[in-house]
Amino acid sequence: MLTIAVIAGWIALPIAILRFQIRGLTPLLACNGAAGALMALYYGLSGLHAGAAMAATAAAAAWLQLIIGGRISLKSRFAIAIPAIVFCFYLAGTTASGWVGLLPVLAFTIGRIAETSRDDFWVRVISLLSTSTWLAYLAIEWSVPGLAFELIGLSSNLLGLARFHRNRAATLFRG
């Protein structure tokens, strides 16, 4: 099972690059849905159950938004995520890793806030915070494919900000 998990994790890597190199919200959501599903498979088969629950929920929310052809409210995204969030709180209270299992909930929350924007610039900027939270979780759990996925995604996001939104990003980060 671990071999399948690692393969799923590595297949998700090109999608991590692609998702921020395509301009527009629709392709970004499609890539987020595909990458989230692959990473949920990886996390689940690797025993990172909190990560699996939140990645699967994120993938479902992205695909649902694409299928219905419109935005899903933040409230609806959290309604979709309630079972996974409850599961993560259960894991935090009953497993040795404890609070670490809540980091995917925080990353999910930040990511869903990002996706409610109609502007892919703000999706990218807010996603920097979500990615940082995933990186903390994956570093603590020592998930090499997960870390690679998020680091490549972070690099791609920064490159996409520079390519598509250079002036807005420079203004934002200068203060």
N, C-alpha and C. Protein backbone atom coordinates (compact mmCIF):
# COMPACT_ATOMS: atom_id res chain seq x y z
N MET A 1 0.82 -1.20 0.00
CA MET A 1 0.00 0.00 0.00
C MET A 1 0.85 1.26 0.00
N LEU A 2 1.99 1.20 0.69
CA LEU A 2 2.85 2.38 0.75
C LEU A 2 3.37 2.74 -0.64
N THR A 3 3.62 1.75 -1.48
CA THR A 3 4.09 2.01 -2.84
C THR A 3 3.05 2.78 -3.63
N ILE A 4 1.79 2.39 -3.53
CA ILE A 4 0.71 3.11 -4.20
C ILE A 4 0.63 4.53 -3.66
N ALA A 5 0.80 4.67 -2.36
CA ALA A 5 0.75 6.00 -1.74
C ALA A 5 1.85 6.89 -2.30
N VAL A 6 3.06 6.37 -2.37
CA VAL A 6 4.18 7.16 -2.85
C VAL A 6 3.98 7.53 -4.32
N ILE A 7 3.49 6.59 -5.12
CA ILE A 7 3.22 6.87 -6.54
C ILE A 7 2.19 7.99 -6.66
N ALA A 8 1.12 7.93 -5.88
CA ALA A 8 0.09 8.98 -5.92
C ALA A 8 0.69 10.32 -5.53
N GLY A 9 1.53 10.33 -4.51
CA GLY A 9 2.18 11.56 -4.09
C GLY A 9 3.06 12.16 -5.16
N TRP A 10 3.83 11.31 -5.84
CA TRP A 10 4.73 11.81 -6.88
C TRP A 10 3.96 12.22 -8.14
N ILE A 11 2.86 11.55 -8.45
CA ILE A 11 2.05 11.96 -9.61
C ILE A 11 1.45 13.34 -9.37
N ALA A 12 1.16 13.66 -8.13
CA ALA A 12 0.57 14.96 -7.81
C ALA A 12 1.56 16.11 -8.01
N LEU A 13 2.85 15.83 -8.04
CA LEU A 13 3.85 16.90 -8.14
C LEU A 13 3.71 17.76 -9.40
N PRO A 14 3.58 17.18 -10.60
CA PRO A 14 3.42 18.06 -11.77
C PRO A 14 2.16 18.93 -11.69
N ILE A 15 1.14 18.40 -11.05
CA ILE A 15 -0.09 19.19 -10.89
C ILE A 15 0.16 20.35 -9.94
N ALA A 16 1.02 20.13 -8.94
CA ALA A 16 1.37 21.22 -8.02
C ALA A 16 2.06 22.35 -8.77
N ILE A 17 2.84 22.01 -9.78
CA ILE A 17 3.50 23.03 -10.59
C ILE A 17 2.48 23.70 -11.51
N LEU A 18 1.70 22.88 -12.19
CA LEU A 18 0.76 23.37 -13.19
C LEU A 18 -0.31 24.29 -12.60
N ARG A 19 -0.81 24.00 -11.41
CA ARG A 19 -1.95 24.74 -10.88
C ARG A 19 -1.71 26.23 -10.76
N PHE A 20 -0.49 26.65 -10.50
CA PHE A 20 -0.23 28.07 -10.37
C PHE A 20 0.42 28.68 -11.61
N GLN A 21 0.63 27.87 -12.65
CA GLN A 21 1.20 28.39 -13.88
C GLN A 21 0.16 28.64 -14.95
N ILE A 22 -1.08 28.36 -14.62
CA ILE A 22 -2.19 28.62 -15.53
C ILE A 22 -2.95 29.81 -14.96
N ARG A 23 -3.26 30.75 -15.82
CA ARG A 23 -3.96 31.94 -15.36
C ARG A 23 -5.46 31.67 -15.31
N GLY A 24 -6.11 32.14 -14.26
CA GLY A 24 -7.55 32.03 -14.14
C GLY A 24 -7.95 31.09 -13.02
N LEU A 25 -9.15 31.30 -12.53
CA LEU A 25 -9.64 30.54 -11.39
C LEU A 25 -10.08 29.12 -11.76
N THR A 26 -10.72 28.95 -12.91
CA THR A 26 -11.22 27.62 -13.29
C THR A 26 -10.10 26.59 -13.41
N PRO A 27 -9.02 26.87 -14.16
CA PRO A 27 -7.94 25.87 -14.23
C PRO A 27 -7.28 25.64 -12.87
N LEU A 28 -7.18 26.70 -12.07
CA LEU A 28 -6.58 26.56 -10.74
C LEU A 28 -7.42 25.61 -9.89
N LEU A 29 -8.74 25.76 -9.94
CA LEU A 29 -9.62 24.88 -9.16
C LEU A 29 -9.55 23.44 -9.67
N ALA A 30 -9.49 23.26 -10.99
CA ALA A 30 -9.40 21.90 -11.55
C ALA A 30 -8.12 21.21 -11.08
N CYS A 31 -7.03 21.94 -11.12
CA CYS A 31 -5.76 21.37 -10.65
C CYS A 31 -5.79 21.12 -9.15
N ASN A 32 -6.39 22.04 -8.38
CA ASN A 32 -6.51 21.83 -6.94
C ASN A 32 -7.33 20.57 -6.64
N GLY A 33 -8.39 20.36 -7.40
CA GLY A 33 -9.21 19.16 -7.20
C GLY A 33 -8.44 17.89 -7.48
N ALA A 34 -7.71 17.87 -8.59
CA ALA A 34 -6.92 16.68 -8.96
C ALA A 34 -5.79 16.44 -7.96
N ALA A 35 -5.06 17.50 -7.64
CA ALA A 35 -3.94 17.36 -6.70
C ALA A 35 -4.44 16.97 -5.32
N GLY A 36 -5.54 17.56 -4.88
CA GLY A 36 -6.10 17.23 -3.57
C GLY A 36 -6.52 15.77 -3.48
N ALA A 37 -7.12 15.26 -4.55
CA ALA A 37 -7.55 13.85 -4.55
C ALA A 37 -6.32 12.92 -4.48
N LEU A 38 -5.29 13.22 -5.26
CA LEU A 38 -4.09 12.39 -5.23
C LEU A 38 -3.39 12.46 -3.87
N MET A 39 -3.33 13.66 -3.30
CA MET A 39 -2.67 13.79 -2.00
C MET A 39 -3.51 13.16 -0.89
N ALA A 40 -4.82 13.19 -1.01
CA ALA A 40 -5.67 12.50 -0.03
C ALA A 40 -5.38 11.00 -0.06
N LEU A 41 -5.22 10.45 -1.26
CA LEU A 41 -4.87 9.04 -1.39
C LEU A 41 -3.51 8.77 -0.75
N TYR A 42 -2.54 9.62 -1.06
CA TYR A 42 -1.21 9.47 -0.48
C TYR A 42 -1.27 9.53 1.05
N TYR A 43 -1.89 10.58 1.59
CA TYR A 43 -1.95 10.74 3.04
C TYR A 43 -2.67 9.56 3.70
N GLY A 44 -3.78 9.16 3.13
CA GLY A 44 -4.56 8.06 3.72
C GLY A 44 -3.78 6.76 3.77
N LEU A 45 -3.13 6.41 2.66
CA LEU A 45 -2.37 5.17 2.61
C LEU A 45 -1.07 5.24 3.42
N SER A 46 -0.62 6.46 3.72
CA SER A 46 0.60 6.64 4.51
C SER A 46 0.30 6.77 6.01
N GLY A 47 -0.96 6.72 6.38
CA GLY A 47 -1.33 6.82 7.79
C GLY A 47 -1.49 8.24 8.30
N LEU A 48 -1.46 9.23 7.42
CA LEU A 48 -1.68 10.62 7.82
C LEU A 48 -3.16 10.96 7.64
N HIS A 49 -3.97 10.44 8.56
CA HIS A 49 -5.41 10.46 8.39
C HIS A 49 -6.01 11.86 8.44
N ALA A 50 -5.48 12.75 9.27
CA ALA A 50 -6.00 14.13 9.30
C ALA A 50 -5.74 14.81 7.97
N GLY A 51 -4.54 14.63 7.44
CA GLY A 51 -4.22 15.20 6.13
C GLY A 51 -5.10 14.64 5.04
N ALA A 52 -5.36 13.34 5.10
CA ALA A 52 -6.22 12.70 4.09
C ALA A 52 -7.63 13.26 4.14
N ALA A 53 -8.17 13.40 5.34
CA ALA A 53 -9.54 13.91 5.49
C ALA A 53 -9.67 15.32 4.92
N MET A 54 -8.73 16.17 5.23
CA MET A 54 -8.84 17.55 4.78
C MET A 54 -8.49 17.70 3.30
N ALA A 55 -7.54 16.93 2.79
CA ALA A 55 -7.21 17.00 1.36
C ALA A 55 -8.38 16.49 0.52
N ALA A 56 -9.03 15.42 0.96
CA ALA A 56 -10.19 14.89 0.23
C ALA A 56 -11.33 15.90 0.23
N THR A 57 -11.53 16.55 1.36
CA THR A 57 -12.60 17.55 1.45
C THR A 57 -12.29 18.75 0.56
N ALA A 58 -11.04 19.18 0.54
CA ALA A 58 -10.64 20.30 -0.31
C ALA A 58 -10.84 19.95 -1.79
N ALA A 59 -10.48 18.72 -2.15
CA ALA A 59 -10.67 18.28 -3.53
C ALA A 59 -12.16 18.28 -3.89
N ALA A 60 -12.98 17.77 -2.98
CA ALA A 60 -14.43 17.73 -3.24
C ALA A 60 -15.00 19.13 -3.41
N ALA A 61 -14.58 20.06 -2.58
CA ALA A 61 -15.09 21.43 -2.68
C ALA A 61 -14.67 22.07 -4.01
N ALA A 62 -13.43 21.84 -4.43
CA ALA A 62 -12.95 22.41 -5.70
C ALA A 62 -13.73 21.82 -6.88
N TRP A 63 -13.91 20.50 -6.88
CA TRP A 63 -14.64 19.86 -7.98
C TRP A 63 -16.11 20.27 -7.98
N LEU A 64 -16.71 20.38 -6.81
CA LEU A 64 -18.10 20.80 -6.74
C LEU A 64 -18.27 22.20 -7.31
N GLN A 65 -17.35 23.10 -6.98
CA GLN A 65 -17.42 24.45 -7.50
C GLN A 65 -17.33 24.44 -9.02
N LEU A 66 -16.48 23.59 -9.58
CA LEU A 66 -16.36 23.49 -11.03
C LEU A 66 -17.61 22.89 -11.66
N ILE A 67 -18.16 21.86 -11.04
CA ILE A 67 -19.32 21.16 -11.59
C ILE A 67 -20.54 22.07 -11.65
N ILE A 68 -20.77 22.83 -10.58
CA ILE A 68 -21.97 23.68 -10.58
C ILE A 68 -21.74 24.98 -11.33
N GLY A 69 -20.49 25.23 -11.74
CA GLY A 69 -20.21 26.39 -12.56
C GLY A 69 -20.28 27.71 -11.84
N GLY A 70 -20.09 27.70 -10.57
CA GLY A 70 -20.14 28.95 -9.82
C GLY A 70 -19.41 28.83 -8.52
N ARG A 71 -19.50 29.88 -7.78
CA ARG A 71 -18.82 29.90 -6.49
C ARG A 71 -19.65 29.19 -5.43
N ILE A 72 -18.96 28.58 -4.53
CA ILE A 72 -19.60 27.97 -3.36
C ILE A 72 -19.27 28.88 -2.19
N SER A 73 -20.26 29.23 -1.44
CA SER A 73 -20.03 30.13 -0.31
C SER A 73 -19.10 29.48 0.71
N LEU A 74 -18.45 30.31 1.48
CA LEU A 74 -17.57 29.81 2.53
C LEU A 74 -18.35 28.94 3.51
N LYS A 75 -19.57 29.35 3.82
CA LYS A 75 -20.44 28.58 4.72
C LYS A 75 -20.69 27.18 4.16
N SER A 76 -20.95 27.08 2.87
CA SER A 76 -21.20 25.77 2.24
C SER A 76 -19.94 24.91 2.24
N ARG A 77 -18.79 25.53 2.04
CA ARG A 77 -17.53 24.78 2.07
C ARG A 77 -17.31 24.15 3.43
N PHE A 78 -17.62 24.91 4.48
CA PHE A 78 -17.44 24.36 5.82
C PHE A 78 -18.51 23.32 6.14
N ALA A 79 -19.70 23.47 5.58
CA ALA A 79 -20.72 22.44 5.77
C ALA A 79 -20.25 21.12 5.15
N ILE A 80 -19.62 21.20 3.98
CA ILE A 80 -19.06 20.01 3.34
C ILE A 80 -17.97 19.40 4.22
N ALA A 81 -17.21 20.26 4.89
CA ALA A 81 -16.04 19.81 5.64
C ALA A 81 -16.33 19.37 7.07
N ILE A 82 -17.53 19.57 7.57
CA ILE A 82 -17.81 19.27 8.98
C ILE A 82 -17.38 17.85 9.38
N PRO A 83 -17.72 16.81 8.62
CA PRO A 83 -17.28 15.47 9.04
C PRO A 83 -15.76 15.35 9.15
N ALA A 84 -15.03 15.92 8.20
CA ALA A 84 -13.57 15.84 8.24
C ALA A 84 -12.99 16.65 9.40
N ILE A 85 -13.59 17.80 9.68
CA ILE A 85 -13.11 18.63 10.79
C ILE A 85 -13.35 17.92 12.12
N VAL A 86 -14.53 17.33 12.29
CA VAL A 86 -14.83 16.58 13.51
C VAL A 86 -13.84 15.42 13.66
N PHE A 87 -13.56 14.73 12.55
CA PHE A 87 -12.61 13.62 12.56
C PHE A 87 -11.22 14.10 13.02
N CYS A 88 -10.78 15.25 12.51
CA CYS A 88 -9.46 15.78 12.90
C CYS A 88 -9.42 16.15 14.38
N PHE A 89 -10.50 16.72 14.90
CA PHE A 89 -10.55 17.02 16.32
C PHE A 89 -10.54 15.73 17.14
N TYR A 90 -11.22 14.70 16.65
CA TYR A 90 -11.19 13.39 17.31
C TYR A 90 -9.75 12.86 17.34
N LEU A 91 -9.06 12.91 16.20
CA LEU A 91 -7.68 12.45 16.14
C LEU A 91 -6.79 13.25 17.09
N ALA A 92 -7.01 14.56 17.16
CA ALA A 92 -6.20 15.41 18.04
C ALA A 92 -6.36 15.01 19.50
N GLY A 93 -7.55 14.56 19.85
CA GLY A 93 -7.80 14.19 21.24
C GLY A 93 -7.46 12.76 21.59
N THR A 94 -7.29 11.90 20.59
CA THR A 94 -7.14 10.47 20.89
C THR A 94 -5.84 9.85 20.38
N THR A 95 -5.02 10.60 19.65
CA THR A 95 -3.80 10.02 19.11
C THR A 95 -2.57 10.68 19.72
N ALA A 96 -1.45 10.03 19.55
CA ALA A 96 -0.20 10.54 20.11
C ALA A 96 0.21 11.87 19.48
N SER A 97 -0.15 12.08 18.21
CA SER A 97 0.26 13.32 17.55
C SER A 97 -0.52 14.53 18.05
N GLY A 98 -1.67 14.31 18.63
CA GLY A 98 -2.44 15.39 19.27
C GLY A 98 -2.72 16.58 18.36
N TRP A 99 -2.31 17.77 18.80
CA TRP A 99 -2.62 19.02 18.11
C TRP A 99 -2.12 19.05 16.68
N VAL A 100 -1.14 18.25 16.33
CA VAL A 100 -0.61 18.24 14.97
C VAL A 100 -1.72 17.92 13.98
N GLY A 101 -2.67 17.09 14.39
CA GLY A 101 -3.79 16.73 13.53
C GLY A 101 -4.72 17.89 13.22
N LEU A 102 -4.56 19.00 13.95
CA LEU A 102 -5.39 20.17 13.69
C LEU A 102 -4.77 21.09 12.64
N LEU A 103 -3.50 20.92 12.34
CA LEU A 103 -2.87 21.76 11.32
C LEU A 103 -3.54 21.62 9.95
N PRO A 104 -3.92 20.40 9.51
CA PRO A 104 -4.64 20.32 8.23
C PRO A 104 -5.99 21.06 8.26
N VAL A 105 -6.63 21.11 9.42
CA VAL A 105 -7.89 21.87 9.53
C VAL A 105 -7.61 23.35 9.29
N LEU A 106 -6.55 23.85 9.90
CA LEU A 106 -6.18 25.25 9.70
C LEU A 106 -5.80 25.51 8.25
N ALA A 107 -5.01 24.62 7.67
CA ALA A 107 -4.61 24.78 6.26
C ALA A 107 -5.84 24.75 5.36
N PHE A 108 -6.75 23.83 5.62
CA PHE A 108 -7.99 23.73 4.85
C PHE A 108 -8.78 25.03 4.96
N THR A 109 -8.91 25.54 6.18
CA THR A 109 -9.69 26.76 6.40
C THR A 109 -9.11 27.92 5.59
N ILE A 110 -7.81 28.09 5.66
CA ILE A 110 -7.17 29.18 4.92
C ILE A 110 -7.35 28.98 3.41
N GLY A 111 -7.19 27.74 2.95
CA GLY A 111 -7.35 27.44 1.53
C GLY A 111 -8.75 27.70 1.01
N ARG A 112 -9.75 27.38 1.81
CA ARG A 112 -11.12 27.61 1.37
C ARG A 112 -11.45 29.10 1.37
N ILE A 113 -10.89 29.84 2.31
CA ILE A 113 -11.07 31.30 2.29
C ILE A 113 -10.47 31.85 0.99
N ALA A 114 -9.29 31.33 0.62
CA ALA A 114 -8.65 31.77 -0.62
C ALA A 114 -9.53 31.50 -1.83
N GLU A 115 -10.13 30.32 -1.90
CA GLU A 115 -10.91 29.94 -3.07
C GLU A 115 -12.21 30.73 -3.21
N THR A 116 -12.65 31.42 -2.17
CA THR A 116 -13.88 32.20 -2.30
C THR A 116 -13.65 33.50 -3.04
N SER A 117 -12.42 33.87 -3.27
CA SER A 117 -12.12 35.09 -4.02
C SER A 117 -12.39 34.86 -5.50
N ARG A 118 -12.87 35.88 -6.17
CA ARG A 118 -13.08 35.81 -7.62
C ARG A 118 -11.80 36.19 -8.37
N ASP A 119 -10.81 36.64 -7.66
CA ASP A 119 -9.58 37.15 -8.24
C ASP A 119 -8.45 36.15 -7.97
N ASP A 120 -7.86 35.60 -9.03
CA ASP A 120 -6.83 34.58 -8.81
C ASP A 120 -5.59 35.16 -8.12
N PHE A 121 -5.39 36.48 -8.16
CA PHE A 121 -4.29 37.09 -7.41
C PHE A 121 -4.47 36.82 -5.92
N TRP A 122 -5.66 37.08 -5.39
CA TRP A 122 -5.90 36.87 -3.97
C TRP A 122 -5.92 35.39 -3.61
N VAL A 123 -6.37 34.54 -4.52
CA VAL A 123 -6.29 33.10 -4.28
C VAL A 123 -4.83 32.71 -4.07
N ARG A 124 -3.97 33.23 -4.92
CA ARG A 124 -2.54 32.91 -4.83
C ARG A 124 -1.92 33.44 -3.54
N VAL A 125 -2.22 34.69 -3.19
CA VAL A 125 -1.63 35.30 -2.00
C VAL A 125 -2.07 34.58 -0.73
N ILE A 126 -3.37 34.34 -0.60
CA ILE A 126 -3.88 33.67 0.60
C ILE A 126 -3.40 32.22 0.64
N SER A 127 -3.23 31.62 -0.53
CA SER A 127 -2.71 30.24 -0.59
C SER A 127 -1.31 30.12 -0.01
N LEU A 128 -0.55 31.20 -0.01
CA LEU A 128 0.79 31.16 0.60
C LEU A 128 0.68 30.79 2.08
N LEU A 129 -0.35 31.28 2.75
CA LEU A 129 -0.55 30.95 4.17
C LEU A 129 -0.99 29.50 4.34
N SER A 130 -1.88 29.06 3.47
CA SER A 130 -2.33 27.67 3.53
C SER A 130 -1.17 26.71 3.31
N THR A 131 -0.35 27.01 2.30
CA THR A 131 0.80 26.17 2.00
C THR A 131 1.77 26.12 3.17
N SER A 132 1.99 27.26 3.81
CA SER A 132 2.89 27.30 4.97
C SER A 132 2.40 26.39 6.09
N THR A 133 1.10 26.36 6.29
CA THR A 133 0.52 25.51 7.33
C THR A 133 0.67 24.04 6.97
N TRP A 134 0.41 23.68 5.70
CA TRP A 134 0.63 22.30 5.25
C TRP A 134 2.10 21.91 5.43
N LEU A 135 3.01 22.83 5.11
CA LEU A 135 4.44 22.53 5.27
C LEU A 135 4.79 22.21 6.72
N ALA A 136 4.23 22.97 7.65
CA ALA A 136 4.48 22.70 9.07
C ALA A 136 3.99 21.30 9.43
N TYR A 137 2.78 20.95 9.02
CA TYR A 137 2.21 19.63 9.31
C TYR A 137 3.07 18.52 8.73
N LEU A 138 3.45 18.68 7.47
CA LEU A 138 4.20 17.64 6.78
C LEU A 138 5.63 17.50 7.31
N ALA A 139 6.21 18.62 7.76
CA ALA A 139 7.55 18.55 8.36
C ALA A 139 7.49 17.80 9.68
N ILE A 140 6.48 18.07 10.48
CA ILE A 140 6.33 17.38 11.77
C ILE A 140 6.11 15.89 11.55
N GLU A 141 5.29 15.55 10.55
CA GLU A 141 4.99 14.14 10.25
C GLU A 141 6.07 13.49 9.37
N TRP A 142 7.02 14.26 8.91
CA TRP A 142 8.12 13.83 8.05
C TRP A 142 7.62 13.07 6.82
N SER A 143 6.80 13.75 6.04
CA SER A 143 6.26 13.22 4.80
C SER A 143 7.03 13.83 3.63
N VAL A 144 7.99 13.09 3.11
CA VAL A 144 8.84 13.62 2.05
C VAL A 144 8.06 13.94 0.77
N PRO A 145 7.22 13.04 0.24
CA PRO A 145 6.46 13.43 -0.95
C PRO A 145 5.51 14.61 -0.67
N GLY A 146 4.93 14.63 0.52
CA GLY A 146 4.05 15.74 0.88
C GLY A 146 4.81 17.06 0.94
N LEU A 147 5.99 17.03 1.55
CA LEU A 147 6.83 18.23 1.61
C LEU A 147 7.24 18.68 0.21
N ALA A 148 7.63 17.72 -0.61
CA ALA A 148 8.03 18.05 -1.99
C ALA A 148 6.86 18.68 -2.73
N PHE A 149 5.68 18.09 -2.59
CA PHE A 149 4.47 18.61 -3.25
C PHE A 149 4.23 20.06 -2.84
N GLU A 150 4.24 20.33 -1.54
CA GLU A 150 3.94 21.68 -1.06
C GLU A 150 5.05 22.67 -1.39
N LEU A 151 6.32 22.24 -1.31
CA LEU A 151 7.42 23.15 -1.65
C LEU A 151 7.41 23.50 -3.14
N ILE A 152 7.12 22.52 -3.97
CA ILE A 152 7.02 22.78 -5.41
C ILE A 152 5.81 23.67 -5.68
N GLY A 153 4.70 23.39 -5.00
CA GLY A 153 3.52 24.24 -5.14
C GLY A 153 3.78 25.67 -4.70
N LEU A 154 4.50 25.83 -3.60
CA LEU A 154 4.86 27.16 -3.10
C LEU A 154 5.72 27.90 -4.12
N SER A 155 6.73 27.20 -4.65
CA SER A 155 7.60 27.81 -5.66
C SER A 155 6.81 28.20 -6.91
N SER A 156 5.94 27.32 -7.34
CA SER A 156 5.12 27.60 -8.51
C SER A 156 4.18 28.78 -8.26
N ASN A 157 3.62 28.85 -7.08
CA ASN A 157 2.74 29.96 -6.73
C ASN A 157 3.51 31.28 -6.78
N LEU A 158 4.69 31.31 -6.19
CA LEU A 158 5.50 32.53 -6.20
C LEU A 158 5.88 32.92 -7.64
N LEU A 159 6.23 31.92 -8.46
CA LEU A 159 6.55 32.19 -9.86
C LEU A 159 5.32 32.72 -10.60
N GLY A 160 4.15 32.12 -10.34
CA GLY A 160 2.92 32.59 -10.96
C GLY A 160 2.57 34.01 -10.55
N LEU A 161 2.79 34.34 -9.28
CA LEU A 161 2.57 35.72 -8.83
C LEU A 161 3.49 36.67 -9.59
N ALA A 162 4.74 36.27 -9.76
CA ALA A 162 5.69 37.12 -10.48
C ALA A 162 5.31 37.24 -11.96
N ARG A 163 4.87 36.16 -12.58
CA ARG A 163 4.53 36.17 -14.01
C ARG A 163 3.26 36.93 -14.30
N PHE A 164 2.21 36.66 -13.53
CA PHE A 164 0.88 37.17 -13.86
C PHE A 164 0.49 38.44 -13.11
N HIS A 165 1.11 38.66 -11.97
CA HIS A 165 0.68 39.77 -11.11
C HIS A 165 1.87 40.52 -10.53
N ARG A 166 2.89 40.72 -11.32
CA ARG A 166 4.14 41.32 -10.83
C ARG A 166 3.89 42.65 -10.12
N ASN A 167 3.16 43.55 -10.73
CA ASN A 167 2.96 44.87 -10.15
C ASN A 167 2.14 44.81 -8.87
N ARG A 168 1.06 44.03 -8.87
CA ARG A 168 0.23 43.92 -7.66
C ARG A 168 0.99 43.25 -6.53
N ALA A 169 1.76 42.21 -6.85
CA ALA A 169 2.53 41.51 -5.82
C ALA A 169 3.61 42.41 -5.25
N ALA A 170 4.28 43.18 -6.09
CA ALA A 170 5.33 44.08 -5.60
C ALA A 170 4.74 45.12 -4.66
N THR A 171 3.60 45.66 -5.00
CA THR A 171 2.93 46.64 -4.12
C THR A 171 2.52 46.01 -2.81
N LEU A 172 1.99 44.81 -2.86
CA LEU A 172 1.52 44.13 -1.65
C LEU A 172 2.67 43.82 -0.70
N PHE A 173 3.76 43.29 -1.24
CA PHE A 173 4.87 42.85 -0.41
C PHE A 173 5.81 43.97 0.02
N ARG A 174 5.73 45.11 -0.64
CA ARG A 174 6.52 46.27 -0.22
C ARG A 174 5.92 46.95 0.99
N GLY A 175 4.61 46.81 1.16
CA GLY A 175 3.95 47.39 2.32
C GLY A 175 3.19 48.57 2.06
